[in-house]
Amino acid sequence: MVAFLYFREKGVQWAVIECSIGGLSSSTNFLDTDIAVIVSIGLDHQEILGETIEEICRNKSGIIRKNKPVIIGPHVPIAVV
């Protein structure tokens, strides 16, 4: 949270914020984002994200906002779209 205070103090208009492991449970979900980027999805962190690619896609899609653009990387299964 200190970073966000610093950004505001410095007048930062744009920042790239990584949501780490998941989407639905990401601590960054309080942000009103302008765009979401999902670079890749694989069978990692299954104990947190889900056992299958479909479950992991559902979890990671938690960063997507209604009426906001989404960039999908080349290693994202169609299940996330």
PDB file of N, CA and C in Angstrom:
ATOM      1  N   MET A   1       0.806  -1.189   0.000  1.00  0.00           N
ATOM      2  CA  MET A   1       0.000   0.000   0.000  1.00  0.00           C
ATOM      3  C   MET A   1       0.860   1.269   0.000  1.00  0.00           C
ATOM      4  N   VAL A   2       2.050   1.162   0.521  1.00  0.00           N
ATOM      5  CA  VAL A   2       2.940   2.322   0.549  1.00  0.00           C
ATOM      6  C   VAL A   2       3.238   2.793  -0.873  1.00  0.00           C
ATOM      7  N   ALA A   3       3.364   1.847  -1.788  1.00  0.00           N
ATOM      8  CA  ALA A   3       3.644   2.208  -3.178  1.00  0.00           C
ATOM      9  C   ALA A   3       2.525   3.073  -3.749  1.00  0.00           C
ATOM     10  N   PHE A   4       1.278   2.764  -3.433  1.00  0.00           N
ATOM     11  CA  PHE A   4       0.158   3.541  -3.959  1.00  0.00           C
ATOM     12  C   PHE A   4       0.149   4.961  -3.385  1.00  0.00           C
ATOM     13  N   LEU A   5       0.516   5.111  -2.136  1.00  0.00           N
ATOM     14  CA  LEU A   5       0.639   6.441  -1.540  1.00  0.00           C
ATOM     15  C   LEU A   5       1.754   7.233  -2.229  1.00  0.00           C
ATOM     16  N   TYR A   6       2.849   6.556  -2.498  1.00  0.00           N
ATOM     17  CA  TYR A   6       3.970   7.188  -3.204  1.00  0.00           C
ATOM     18  C   TYR A   6       3.541   7.603  -4.618  1.00  0.00           C
ATOM     19  N   PHE A   7       2.844   6.713  -5.321  1.00  0.00           N
ATOM     20  CA  PHE A   7       2.376   7.033  -6.671  1.00  0.00           C
ATOM     21  C   PHE A   7       1.487   8.271  -6.656  1.00  0.00           C
ATOM     22  N   ARG A   8       0.579   8.342  -5.692  1.00  0.00           N
ATOM     23  CA  ARG A   8      -0.324   9.494  -5.605  1.00  0.00           C
ATOM     24  C   ARG A   8       0.468  10.773  -5.318  1.00  0.00           C
ATOM     25  N   GLU A   9       1.414  10.672  -4.389  1.00  0.00           N
ATOM     26  CA  GLU A   9       2.240  11.831  -4.032  1.00  0.00           C
ATOM     27  C   GLU A   9       3.027  12.351  -5.223  1.00  0.00           C
ATOM     28  N   LYS A  10       3.491  11.445  -6.075  1.00  0.00           N
ATOM     29  CA  LYS A  10       4.296  11.816  -7.240  1.00  0.00           C
ATOM     30  C   LYS A  10       3.452  12.108  -8.482  1.00  0.00           C
ATOM     31  N   GLY A  11       2.142  11.947  -8.377  1.00  0.00           N
ATOM     32  CA  GLY A  11       1.272  12.237  -9.514  1.00  0.00           C
ATOM     33  C   GLY A  11       1.331  11.202 -10.622  1.00  0.00           C
ATOM     34  N   VAL A  12       1.647   9.957 -10.273  1.00  0.00           N
ATOM     35  CA  VAL A  12       1.725   8.895 -11.274  1.00  0.00           C
ATOM     36  C   VAL A  12       0.332   8.660 -11.857  1.00  0.00           C
ATOM     37  N   GLN A  13       0.238   8.716 -13.184  1.00  0.00           N
ATOM     38  CA  GLN A  13      -1.057   8.508 -13.839  1.00  0.00           C
ATOM     39  C   GLN A  13      -1.258   7.063 -14.275  1.00  0.00           C
ATOM     40  N   TRP A  14      -0.182   6.360 -14.576  1.00  0.00           N
ATOM     41  CA  TRP A  14      -0.253   4.976 -15.034  1.00  0.00           C
ATOM     42  C   TRP A  14       0.795   4.152 -14.300  1.00  0.00           C
ATOM     43  N   ALA A  15       0.422   2.959 -13.892  1.00  0.00           N
ATOM     44  CA  ALA A  15       1.368   2.038 -13.259  1.00  0.00           C
ATOM     45  C   ALA A  15       0.993   0.617 -13.651  1.00  0.00           C
ATOM     46  N   VAL A  16       1.986  -0.211 -13.823  1.00  0.00           N
ATOM     47  CA  VAL A  16       1.770  -1.633 -14.080  1.00  0.00           C
ATOM     48  C   VAL A  16       1.850  -2.337 -12.733  1.00  0.00           C
ATOM     49  N   ILE A  17       0.743  -2.955 -12.336  1.00  0.00           N
ATOM     50  CA  ILE A  17       0.662  -3.618 -11.045  1.00  0.00           C
ATOM     51  C   ILE A  17       0.451  -5.107 -11.276  1.00  0.00           C
ATOM     52  N   GLU A  18       1.361  -5.915 -10.787  1.00  0.00           N
ATOM     53  CA  GLU A  18       1.248  -7.357 -10.952  1.00  0.00           C
ATOM     54  C   GLU A  18       0.411  -7.936  -9.823  1.00  0.00           C
ATOM     55  N   CYS A  19      -0.552  -8.780 -10.175  1.00  0.00           N
ATOM     56  CA  CYS A  19      -1.448  -9.314  -9.143  1.00  0.00           C
ATOM     57  C   CYS A  19      -0.968 -10.651  -8.596  1.00  0.00           C
ATOM     58  N   SER A  20       0.210 -11.034  -8.897  1.00  0.00           N
ATOM     59  CA  SER A  20       0.877 -12.238  -8.418  1.00  0.00           C
ATOM     60  C   SER A  20       0.138 -13.512  -8.802  1.00  0.00           C
ATOM     61  N   ILE A  21      -0.137 -14.379  -7.846  1.00  0.00           N
ATOM     62  CA  ILE A  21      -0.609 -15.729  -8.167  1.00  0.00           C
ATOM     63  C   ILE A  21      -1.981 -15.757  -8.817  1.00  0.00           C
ATOM     64  N   GLY A  22      -2.971 -15.205  -8.184  1.00  0.00           N
ATOM     65  CA  GLY A  22      -4.339 -15.388  -8.656  1.00  0.00           C
ATOM     66  C   GLY A  22      -5.012 -14.116  -9.108  1.00  0.00           C
ATOM     67  N   GLY A  23      -6.240 -14.257  -9.500  1.00  0.00           N
ATOM     68  CA  GLY A  23      -7.024 -13.118  -9.915  1.00  0.00           C
ATOM     69  C   GLY A  23      -8.152 -12.838  -8.946  1.00  0.00           C
ATOM     70  N   LEU A  24      -8.954 -13.851  -8.672  1.00  0.00           N
ATOM     71  CA  LEU A  24     -10.109 -13.669  -7.792  1.00  0.00           C
ATOM     72  C   LEU A  24      -9.705 -13.246  -6.389  1.00  0.00           C
ATOM     73  N   SER A  25      -8.629 -13.813  -5.887  1.00  0.00           N
ATOM     74  CA  SER A  25      -8.221 -13.520  -4.512  1.00  0.00           C
ATOM     75  C   SER A  25      -7.047 -12.550  -4.435  1.00  0.00           C
ATOM     76  N   SER A  26      -6.751 -11.879  -5.521  1.00  0.00           N
ATOM     77  CA  SER A  26      -5.621 -10.960  -5.537  1.00  0.00           C
ATOM     78  C   SER A  26      -5.881  -9.757  -4.640  1.00  0.00           C
ATOM     79  N   SER A  27      -4.868  -9.369  -3.907  1.00  0.00           N
ATOM     80  CA  SER A  27      -4.992  -8.192  -3.048  1.00  0.00           C
ATOM     81  C   SER A  27      -5.061  -6.905  -3.857  1.00  0.00           C
ATOM     82  N   THR A  28      -4.842  -6.996  -5.162  1.00  0.00           N
ATOM     83  CA  THR A  28      -4.930  -5.808  -6.013  1.00  0.00           C
ATOM     84  C   THR A  28      -6.338  -5.598  -6.575  1.00  0.00           C
ATOM     85  N   ASN A  29      -7.272  -6.457  -6.235  1.00  0.00           N
ATOM     86  CA  ASN A  29      -8.625  -6.354  -6.789  1.00  0.00           C
ATOM     87  C   ASN A  29      -9.387  -5.107  -6.345  1.00  0.00           C
ATOM     88  N   PHE A  30      -8.874  -4.379  -5.380  1.00  0.00           N
ATOM     89  CA  PHE A  30      -9.531  -3.142  -4.971  1.00  0.00           C
ATOM     90  C   PHE A  30      -9.282  -2.018  -5.975  1.00  0.00           C
ATOM     91  N   LEU A  31      -8.316  -2.187  -6.869  1.00  0.00           N
ATOM     92  CA  LEU A  31      -7.980  -1.157  -7.841  1.00  0.00           C
ATOM     93  C   LEU A  31      -9.032  -1.088  -8.948  1.00  0.00           C
ATOM     94  N   ASP A  32      -9.319   0.119  -9.384  1.00  0.00           N
ATOM     95  CA  ASP A  32     -10.201   0.335 -10.528  1.00  0.00           C
ATOM     96  C   ASP A  32      -9.319   0.405 -11.768  1.00  0.00           C
ATOM     97  N   THR A  33      -9.029  -0.754 -12.336  1.00  0.00           N
ATOM     98  CA  THR A  33      -8.061  -0.830 -13.423  1.00  0.00           C
ATOM     99  C   THR A  33      -8.651  -0.413 -14.762  1.00  0.00           C
ATOM    100  N   ASP A  34      -7.781   0.045 -15.652  1.00  0.00           N
ATOM    101  CA  ASP A  34      -8.188   0.434 -16.995  1.00  0.00           C
ATOM    102  C   ASP A  34      -8.028  -0.684 -17.999  1.00  0.00           C
ATOM    103  N   ILE A  35      -7.178  -1.649 -17.683  1.00  0.00           N
ATOM    104  CA  ILE A  35      -6.898  -2.748 -18.598  1.00  0.00           C
ATOM    105  C   ILE A  35      -6.411  -3.952 -17.784  1.00  0.00           C
ATOM    106  N   ALA A  36      -6.692  -5.136 -18.268  1.00  0.00           N
ATOM    107  CA  ALA A  36      -6.187  -6.358 -17.636  1.00  0.00           C
ATOM    108  C   ALA A  36      -5.302  -7.083 -18.644  1.00  0.00           C
ATOM    109  N   VAL A  37      -4.229  -7.671 -18.158  1.00  0.00           N
ATOM    110  CA  VAL A  37      -3.328  -8.438 -19.007  1.00  0.00           C
ATOM    111  C   VAL A  37      -3.121  -9.802 -18.358  1.00  0.00           C
ATOM    112  N   ILE A  38      -3.422 -10.854 -19.103  1.00  0.00           N
ATOM    113  CA  ILE A  38      -3.153 -12.220 -18.643  1.00  0.00           C
ATOM    114  C   ILE A  38      -2.119 -12.789 -19.599  1.00  0.00           C
ATOM    115  N   VAL A  39      -0.900 -12.938 -19.101  1.00  0.00           N
ATOM    116  CA  VAL A  39       0.229 -13.302 -19.950  1.00  0.00           C
ATOM    117  C   VAL A  39       0.258 -14.793 -20.242  1.00  0.00           C
ATOM    118  N   SER A  40       0.099 -15.601 -19.200  1.00  0.00           N
ATOM    119  CA  SER A  40       0.139 -17.044 -19.399  1.00  0.00           C
ATOM    120  C   SER A  40      -0.649 -17.741 -18.300  1.00  0.00           C
ATOM    121  N   ILE A  41      -1.047 -18.968 -18.598  1.00  0.00           N
ATOM    122  CA  ILE A  41      -1.739 -19.799 -17.619  1.00  0.00           C
ATOM    123  C   ILE A  41      -1.176 -21.207 -17.741  1.00  0.00           C
ATOM    124  N   GLY A  42      -0.815 -21.769 -16.601  1.00  0.00           N
ATOM    125  CA  GLY A  42      -0.289 -23.127 -16.577  1.00  0.00           C
ATOM    126  C   GLY A  42      -0.728 -23.831 -15.316  1.00  0.00           C
ATOM    127  N   LEU A  43      -0.306 -25.056 -15.182  1.00  0.00           N
ATOM    128  CA  LEU A  43      -0.686 -25.868 -14.020  1.00  0.00           C
ATOM    129  C   LEU A  43       0.277 -25.632 -12.861  1.00  0.00           C
ATOM    130  N   ASP A  44       0.378 -24.396 -12.441  1.00  0.00           N
ATOM    131  CA  ASP A  44       1.179 -24.082 -11.267  1.00  0.00           C
ATOM    132  C   ASP A  44       0.274 -23.472 -10.199  1.00  0.00           C
ATOM    133  N   HIS A  45       0.683 -23.532  -8.971  1.00  0.00           N
ATOM    134  CA  HIS A  45      -0.103 -23.016  -7.835  1.00  0.00           C
ATOM    135  C   HIS A  45      -1.492 -23.650  -7.766  1.00  0.00           C
ATOM    136  N   GLN A  46      -1.579 -24.926  -8.127  1.00  0.00           N
ATOM    137  CA  GLN A  46      -2.872 -25.611  -8.152  1.00  0.00           C
ATOM    138  C   GLN A  46      -3.535 -25.660  -6.779  1.00  0.00           C
ATOM    139  N   GLU A  47      -2.762 -25.676  -5.716  1.00  0.00           N
ATOM    140  CA  GLU A  47      -3.344 -25.711  -4.382  1.00  0.00           C
ATOM    141  C   GLU A  47      -4.100 -24.418  -4.061  1.00  0.00           C
ATOM    142  N   ILE A  48      -3.828 -23.354  -4.796  1.00  0.00           N
ATOM    143  CA  ILE A  48      -4.486 -22.068  -4.571  1.00  0.00           C
ATOM    144  C   ILE A  48      -5.500 -21.767  -5.677  1.00  0.00           C
ATOM    145  N   LEU A  49      -5.116 -22.037  -6.921  1.00  0.00           N
ATOM    146  CA  LEU A  49      -5.909 -21.606  -8.070  1.00  0.00           C
ATOM    147  C   LEU A  49      -6.914 -22.626  -8.577  1.00  0.00           C
ATOM    148  N   GLY A  50      -6.690 -23.896  -8.319  1.00  0.00           N
ATOM    149  CA  GLY A  50      -7.574 -24.940  -8.828  1.00  0.00           C
ATOM    150  C   GLY A  50      -6.778 -26.057  -9.467  1.00  0.00           C
ATOM    151  N   GLU A  51      -7.409 -27.190  -9.606  1.00  0.00           N
ATOM    152  CA  GLU A  51      -6.736 -28.386 -10.108  1.00  0.00           C
ATOM    153  C   GLU A  51      -6.638 -28.441 -11.630  1.00  0.00           C
ATOM    154  N   THR A  52      -7.588 -27.833 -12.332  1.00  0.00           N
ATOM    155  CA  THR A  52      -7.630 -27.951 -13.797  1.00  0.00           C
ATOM    156  C   THR A  52      -7.328 -26.598 -14.450  1.00  0.00           C
ATOM    157  N   ILE A  53      -6.989 -26.658 -15.729  1.00  0.00           N
ATOM    158  CA  ILE A  53      -6.758 -25.424 -16.490  1.00  0.00           C
ATOM    159  C   ILE A  53      -8.010 -24.552 -16.458  1.00  0.00           C
ATOM    160  N   GLU A  54      -9.184 -25.161 -16.556  1.00  0.00           N
ATOM    161  CA  GLU A  54     -10.434 -24.394 -16.539  1.00  0.00           C
ATOM    162  C   GLU A  54     -10.613 -23.647 -15.215  1.00  0.00           C
ATOM    163  N   GLU A  55     -10.324 -24.322 -14.090  1.00  0.00           N
ATOM    164  CA  GLU A  55     -10.439 -23.678 -12.774  1.00  0.00           C
ATOM    165  C   GLU A  55      -9.419 -22.543 -12.629  1.00  0.00           C
ATOM    166  N   ILE A  56      -8.213 -22.784 -13.109  1.00  0.00           N
ATOM    167  CA  ILE A  56      -7.167 -21.769 -13.036  1.00  0.00           C
ATOM    168  C   ILE A  56      -7.536 -20.572 -13.913  1.00  0.00           C
ATOM    169  N   CYS A  57      -8.070 -20.823 -15.099  1.00  0.00           N
ATOM    170  CA  CYS A  57      -8.529 -19.738 -15.979  1.00  0.00           C
ATOM    171  C   CYS A  57      -9.630 -18.922 -15.305  1.00  0.00           C
ATOM    172  N   ARG A  58     -10.573 -19.600 -14.684  1.00  0.00           N
ATOM    173  CA  ARG A  58     -11.678 -18.914 -13.993  1.00  0.00           C
ATOM    174  C   ARG A  58     -11.117 -18.020 -12.888  1.00  0.00           C
ATOM    175  N   ASN A  59     -10.163 -18.545 -12.135  1.00  0.00           N
ATOM    176  CA  ASN A  59      -9.567 -17.784 -11.044  1.00  0.00           C
ATOM    177  C   ASN A  59      -8.807 -16.569 -11.568  1.00  0.00           C
ATOM    178  N   LYS A  60      -7.957 -16.787 -12.544  1.00  0.00           N
ATOM    179  CA  LYS A  60      -7.145 -15.682 -13.080  1.00  0.00           C
ATOM    180  C   LYS A  60      -7.987 -14.637 -13.788  1.00  0.00           C
ATOM    181  N   SER A  61      -9.139 -15.039 -14.333  1.00  0.00           N
ATOM    182  CA  SER A  61      -9.999 -14.065 -15.014  1.00  0.00           C
ATOM    183  C   SER A  61     -10.638 -13.093 -14.022  1.00  0.00           C
ATOM    184  N   GLY A  62     -10.410 -13.297 -12.730  1.00  0.00           N
ATOM    185  CA  GLY A  62     -10.928 -12.391 -11.713  1.00  0.00           C
ATOM    186  C   GLY A  62     -10.377 -10.980 -11.800  1.00  0.00           C
ATOM    187  N   ILE A  63      -9.323 -10.768 -12.592  1.00  0.00           N
ATOM    188  CA  ILE A  63      -8.787  -9.417 -12.758  1.00  0.00           C
ATOM    189  C   ILE A  63      -9.489  -8.653 -13.876  1.00  0.00           C
ATOM    190  N   ILE A  64     -10.326  -9.346 -14.654  1.00  0.00           N
ATOM    191  CA  ILE A  64     -11.020  -8.715 -15.778  1.00  0.00           C
ATOM    192  C   ILE A  64     -12.177  -7.878 -15.257  1.00  0.00           C
ATOM    193  N   ARG A  65     -12.316  -6.656 -15.783  1.00  0.00           N
ATOM    194  CA  ARG A  65     -13.371  -5.745 -15.375  1.00  0.00           C
ATOM    195  C   ARG A  65     -14.363  -5.542 -16.521  1.00  0.00           C
ATOM    196  N   LYS A  66     -15.611  -5.357 -16.163  1.00  0.00           N
ATOM    197  CA  LYS A  66     -16.670  -5.145 -17.153  1.00  0.00           C
ATOM    198  C   LYS A  66     -16.381  -3.884 -17.964  1.00  0.00           C
ATOM    199  N   ASN A  67     -16.531  -4.016 -19.277  1.00  0.00           N
ATOM    200  CA  ASN A  67     -16.347  -2.914 -20.225  1.00  0.00           C
ATOM    201  C   ASN A  67     -14.934  -2.341 -20.233  1.00  0.00           C
ATOM    202  N   LYS A  68     -13.946  -3.163 -19.856  1.00  0.00           N
ATOM    203  CA  LYS A  68     -12.539  -2.744 -19.895  1.00  0.00           C
ATOM    204  C   LYS A  68     -11.782  -3.719 -20.790  1.00  0.00           C
ATOM    205  N   PRO A  69     -10.774  -3.240 -21.514  1.00  0.00           N
ATOM    206  CA  PRO A  69     -10.028  -4.124 -22.410  1.00  0.00           C
ATOM    207  C   PRO A  69      -9.196  -5.166 -21.661  1.00  0.00           C
ATOM    208  N   VAL A  70      -8.969  -6.279 -22.350  1.00  0.00           N
ATOM    209  CA  VAL A  70      -8.164  -7.377 -21.821  1.00  0.00           C
ATOM    210  C   VAL A  70      -7.154  -7.773 -22.889  1.00  0.00           C
ATOM    211  N   ILE A  71      -5.908  -7.909 -22.496  1.00  0.00           N
ATOM    212  CA  ILE A  71      -4.865  -8.422 -23.391  1.00  0.00           C
ATOM    213  C   ILE A  71      -4.576  -9.850 -22.955  1.00  0.00           C
ATOM    214  N   ILE A  72      -4.655 -10.765 -23.903  1.00  0.00           N
ATOM    215  CA  ILE A  72      -4.435 -12.188 -23.626  1.00  0.00           C
ATOM    216  C   ILE A  72      -3.133 -12.612 -24.299  1.00  0.00           C
ATOM    217  N   GLY A  73      -2.217 -13.177 -23.519  1.00  0.00           N
ATOM    218  CA  GLY A  73      -0.933 -13.630 -24.042  1.00  0.00           C
ATOM    219  C   GLY A  73      -1.061 -14.899 -24.867  1.00  0.00           C
ATOM    220  N   PRO A  74       0.023 -15.275 -25.539  1.00  0.00           N
ATOM    221  CA  PRO A  74      -0.007 -16.442 -26.430  1.00  0.00           C
ATOM    222  C   PRO A  74      -0.121 -17.779 -25.701  1.00  0.00           C
ATOM    223  N   HIS A  75       0.093 -17.788 -24.391  1.00  0.00           N
ATOM    224  CA  HIS A  75       0.064 -19.039 -23.638  1.00  0.00           C
ATOM    225  C   HIS A  75      -1.140 -19.114 -22.714  1.00  0.00           C
ATOM    226  N   VAL A  76      -2.259 -18.558 -23.176  1.00  0.00           N
ATOM    227  CA  VAL A  76      -3.498 -18.575 -22.404  1.00  0.00           C
ATOM    228  C   VAL A  76      -4.509 -19.412 -23.177  1.00  0.00           C
ATOM    229  N   PRO A  77      -5.004 -20.491 -22.591  1.00  0.00           N
ATOM    230  CA  PRO A  77      -5.992 -21.321 -23.280  1.00  0.00           C
ATOM    231  C   PRO A  77      -7.262 -20.538 -23.574  1.00  0.00           C
ATOM    232  N   ILE A  78      -7.962 -20.927 -24.587  1.00  0.00           N
ATOM    233  CA  ILE A  78      -9.196 -20.256 -24.994  1.00  0.00           C
ATOM    234  C   ILE A  78     -10.240 -20.263 -23.864  1.00  0.00           C
ATOM    235  N   ALA A  79     -10.106 -21.160 -22.893  1.00  0.00           N
ATOM    236  CA  ALA A  79     -11.054 -21.260 -21.790  1.00  0.00           C
ATOM    237  C   ALA A  79     -11.158 -19.968 -20.985  1.00  0.00           C
ATOM    238  N   VAL A  80     -10.116 -19.154 -20.982  1.00  0.00           N
ATOM    239  CA  VAL A  80     -10.156 -17.912 -20.223  1.00  0.00           C
ATOM    240  C   VAL A  80     -10.975 -16.845 -20.930  1.00  0.00           C
ATOM    241  N   VAL A  81     -11.075 -16.951 -22.233  1.00  0.00           N
ATOM    242  CA  VAL A  81     -11.824 -15.966 -23.018  1.00  0.00           C
ATOM    243  C   VAL A  81     -13.267 -16.349 -22.968  1.00  0.00           C
TER     244      VAL A  81
END
